[in-house]
């Protein structure tokens, strides 16, 4: 049970990191097209 909770936390953390990277990439593309 405890291991499952830790695994879920790790999954959510990596998901948050991936979405943050995705948002950063979109922002980069938007500002790049704006120039």
PDB file of N, CA and C in Angstrom:
ATOM      1  N   UNK A   1       0.848  -1.197   0.000  1.00  0.00           N
ATOM      2  CA  UNK A   1       0.000   0.000   0.000  1.00  0.00           C
ATOM      3  C   UNK A   1       0.882   1.245   0.000  1.00  0.00           C
ATOM      4  N   UNK A   2       1.865   1.256   0.912  1.00  0.00           N
ATOM      5  CA  UNK A   2       2.735   2.434   1.004  1.00  0.00           C
ATOM      6  C   UNK A   2       3.502   2.629  -0.306  1.00  0.00           C
ATOM      7  N   UNK A   3       3.973   1.508  -0.882  1.00  0.00           N
ATOM      8  CA  UNK A   3       4.728   1.607  -2.139  1.00  0.00           C
ATOM      9  C   UNK A   3       3.838   2.155  -3.248  1.00  0.00           C
ATOM     10  N   UNK A   4       2.578   1.723  -3.281  1.00  0.00           N
ATOM     11  CA  UNK A   4       1.666   2.211  -4.312  1.00  0.00           C
ATOM     12  C   UNK A   4       1.511   3.722  -4.213  1.00  0.00           C
ATOM     13  N   UNK A   5       1.350   4.218  -2.992  1.00  0.00           N
ATOM     14  CA  UNK A   5       1.184   5.663  -2.818  1.00  0.00           C
ATOM     15  C   UNK A   5       2.414   6.404  -3.325  1.00  0.00           C
ATOM     16  N   UNK A   6       3.598   5.896  -3.015  1.00  0.00           N
ATOM     17  CA  UNK A   6       4.827   6.551  -3.467  1.00  0.00           C
ATOM     18  C   UNK A   6       4.901   6.534  -4.986  1.00  0.00           C
ATOM     19  N   UNK A   7       4.506   5.422  -5.588  1.00  0.00           N
ATOM     20  CA  UNK A   7       4.527   5.328  -7.047  1.00  0.00           C
ATOM     21  C   UNK A   7       3.587   6.338  -7.674  1.00  0.00           C
ATOM     22  N   UNK A   8       2.407   6.503  -7.077  1.00  0.00           N
ATOM     23  CA  UNK A   8       1.437   7.468  -7.602  1.00  0.00           C
ATOM     24  C   UNK A   8       1.998   8.880  -7.490  1.00  0.00           C
ATOM     25  N   UNK A   9       2.636   9.178  -6.362  1.00  0.00           N
ATOM     26  CA  UNK A   9       3.216  10.514  -6.174  1.00  0.00           C
ATOM     27  C   UNK A   9       4.288  10.757  -7.232  1.00  0.00           C
ATOM     28  N   UNK A  10       5.124   9.741  -7.487  1.00  0.00           N
ATOM     29  CA  UNK A  10       6.177   9.887  -8.500  1.00  0.00           C
ATOM     30  C   UNK A  10       5.556  10.111  -9.873  1.00  0.00           C
ATOM     31  N   UNK A  11       4.492   9.360 -10.189  1.00  0.00           N
ATOM     32  CA  UNK A  11       3.832   9.521 -11.481  1.00  0.00           C
ATOM     33  C   UNK A  11       3.293  10.935 -11.627  1.00  0.00           C
ATOM     34  N   UNK A  12       2.613  11.432 -10.585  1.00  0.00           N
ATOM     35  CA  UNK A  12       2.039  12.772 -10.654  1.00  0.00           C
ATOM     36  C   UNK A  12       3.139  13.812 -10.797  1.00  0.00           C
ATOM     37  N   UNK A  13       4.252  13.604 -10.099  1.00  0.00           N
ATOM     38  CA  UNK A  13       5.358  14.566 -10.164  1.00  0.00           C
ATOM     39  C   UNK A  13       5.938  14.608 -11.575  1.00  0.00           C
ATOM     40  N   UNK A  14       6.179  13.427 -12.178  1.00  0.00           N
ATOM     41  CA  UNK A  14       6.743  13.408 -13.527  1.00  0.00           C
ATOM     42  C   UNK A  14       5.735  13.965 -14.527  1.00  0.00           C
ATOM     43  N   UNK A  15       4.442  13.717 -14.296  1.00  0.00           N
ATOM     44  CA  UNK A  15       3.411  14.286 -15.163  1.00  0.00           C
ATOM     45  C   UNK A  15       3.460  15.804 -15.095  1.00  0.00           C
ATOM     46  N   UNK A  16       3.574  16.351 -13.894  1.00  0.00           N
ATOM     47  CA  UNK A  16       3.638  17.803 -13.730  1.00  0.00           C
ATOM     48  C   UNK A  16       4.870  18.355 -14.436  1.00  0.00           C
ATOM     49  N   UNK A  17       5.989  17.651 -14.323  1.00  0.00           N
ATOM     50  CA  UNK A  17       7.221  18.108 -14.982  1.00  0.00           C
ATOM     51  C   UNK A  17       7.034  18.071 -16.498  1.00  0.00           C
ATOM     52  N   UNK A  18       6.452  16.985 -17.015  1.00  0.00           N
ATOM     53  CA  UNK A  18       6.258  16.876 -18.460  1.00  0.00           C
ATOM     54  C   UNK A  18       5.338  17.971 -18.975  1.00  0.00           C
ATOM     55  N   UNK A  19       4.244  18.252 -18.266  1.00  0.00           N
ATOM     56  CA  UNK A  19       3.329  19.295 -18.729  1.00  0.00           C
ATOM     57  C   UNK A  19       3.995  20.658 -18.629  1.00  0.00           C
ATOM     58  N   UNK A  20       4.831  20.861 -17.608  1.00  0.00           N
ATOM     59  CA  UNK A  20       5.550  22.136 -17.497  1.00  0.00           C
ATOM     60  C   UNK A  20       6.493  22.304 -18.681  1.00  0.00           C
ATOM     61  N   UNK A  21       7.179  21.225 -19.063  1.00  0.00           N
ATOM     62  CA  UNK A  21       8.082  21.282 -20.222  1.00  0.00           C
ATOM     63  C   UNK A  21       7.259  21.549 -21.485  1.00  0.00           C
ATOM     64  N   UNK A  22       6.120  20.887 -21.609  1.00  0.00           N
ATOM     65  CA  UNK A  22       5.270  21.083 -22.781  1.00  0.00           C
ATOM     66  C   UNK A  22       4.800  22.523 -22.881  1.00  0.00           C
ATOM     67  N   UNK A  23       4.389  23.099 -21.761  1.00  0.00           N
ATOM     68  CA  UNK A  23       3.943  24.494 -21.755  1.00  0.00           C
ATOM     69  C   UNK A  23       5.103  25.400 -22.150  1.00  0.00           C
ATOM     70  N   UNK A  24       6.286  25.134 -21.618  1.00  0.00           N
ATOM     71  CA  UNK A  24       7.469  25.945 -21.951  1.00  0.00           C
ATOM     72  C   UNK A  24       7.755  25.868 -23.446  1.00  0.00           C
ATOM     73  N   UNK A  25       7.634  24.687 -24.033  1.00  0.00           N
ATOM     74  CA  UNK A  25       7.878  24.531 -25.470  1.00  0.00           C
ATOM     75  C   UNK A  25       6.859  25.329 -26.268  1.00  0.00           C
ATOM     76  N   UNK A  26       5.592  25.281 -25.868  1.00  0.00           N
ATOM     77  CA  UNK A  26       4.538  26.024 -26.575  1.00  0.00           C
ATOM     78  C   UNK A  26       4.813  27.520 -26.484  1.00  0.00           C
ATOM     79  N   UNK A  27       5.194  27.987 -25.300  1.00  0.00           N
ATOM     80  CA  UNK A  27       5.484  29.416 -25.117  1.00  0.00           C
ATOM     81  C   UNK A  27       6.663  29.815 -25.999  1.00  0.00           C
ATOM     82  N   UNK A  28       7.681  28.974 -26.047  1.00  0.00           N
ATOM     83  CA  UNK A  28       8.853  29.255 -26.893  1.00  0.00           C
ATOM     84  C   UNK A  28       8.425  29.369 -28.350  1.00  0.00           C
ATOM     85  N   UNK A  29       7.606  28.417 -28.813  1.00  0.00           N
ATOM     86  CA  UNK A  29       7.151  28.443 -30.202  1.00  0.00           C
ATOM     87  C   UNK A  29       6.337  29.702 -30.469  1.00  0.00           C
ATOM     88  N   UNK A  30       5.448  30.057 -29.546  1.00  0.00           N
ATOM     89  CA  UNK A  30       4.608  31.244 -29.731  1.00  0.00           C
ATOM     90  C   UNK A  30       5.465  32.496 -29.845  1.00  0.00           C
ATOM     91  N   UNK A  31       6.420  32.678 -28.945  1.00  0.00           N
ATOM     92  CA  UNK A  31       7.252  33.881 -28.982  1.00  0.00           C
ATOM     93  C   UNK A  31       8.149  33.848 -30.222  1.00  0.00           C
ATOM     94  N   UNK A  32       8.539  32.661 -30.654  1.00  0.00           N
ATOM     95  CA  UNK A  32       9.385  32.544 -31.842  1.00  0.00           C
ATOM     96  C   UNK A  32       8.607  32.973 -33.083  1.00  0.00           C
ATOM     97  N   UNK A  33       7.344  32.542 -33.179  1.00  0.00           N
ATOM     98  CA  UNK A  33       6.517  32.918 -34.325  1.00  0.00           C
ATOM     99  C   UNK A  33       6.194  34.406 -34.285  1.00  0.00           C
ATOM    100  N   UNK A  34       6.121  34.975 -33.085  1.00  0.00           N
ATOM    101  CA  UNK A  34       5.778  36.387 -32.950  1.00  0.00           C
ATOM    102  C   UNK A  34       6.852  37.298 -33.532  1.00  0.00           C
ATOM    103  N   UNK A  35       8.091  36.834 -33.579  1.00  0.00           N
ATOM    104  CA  UNK A  35       9.177  37.683 -34.073  1.00  0.00           C
ATOM    105  C   UNK A  35       9.186  37.768 -35.587  1.00  0.00           C
TER     106      UNK A  35
END
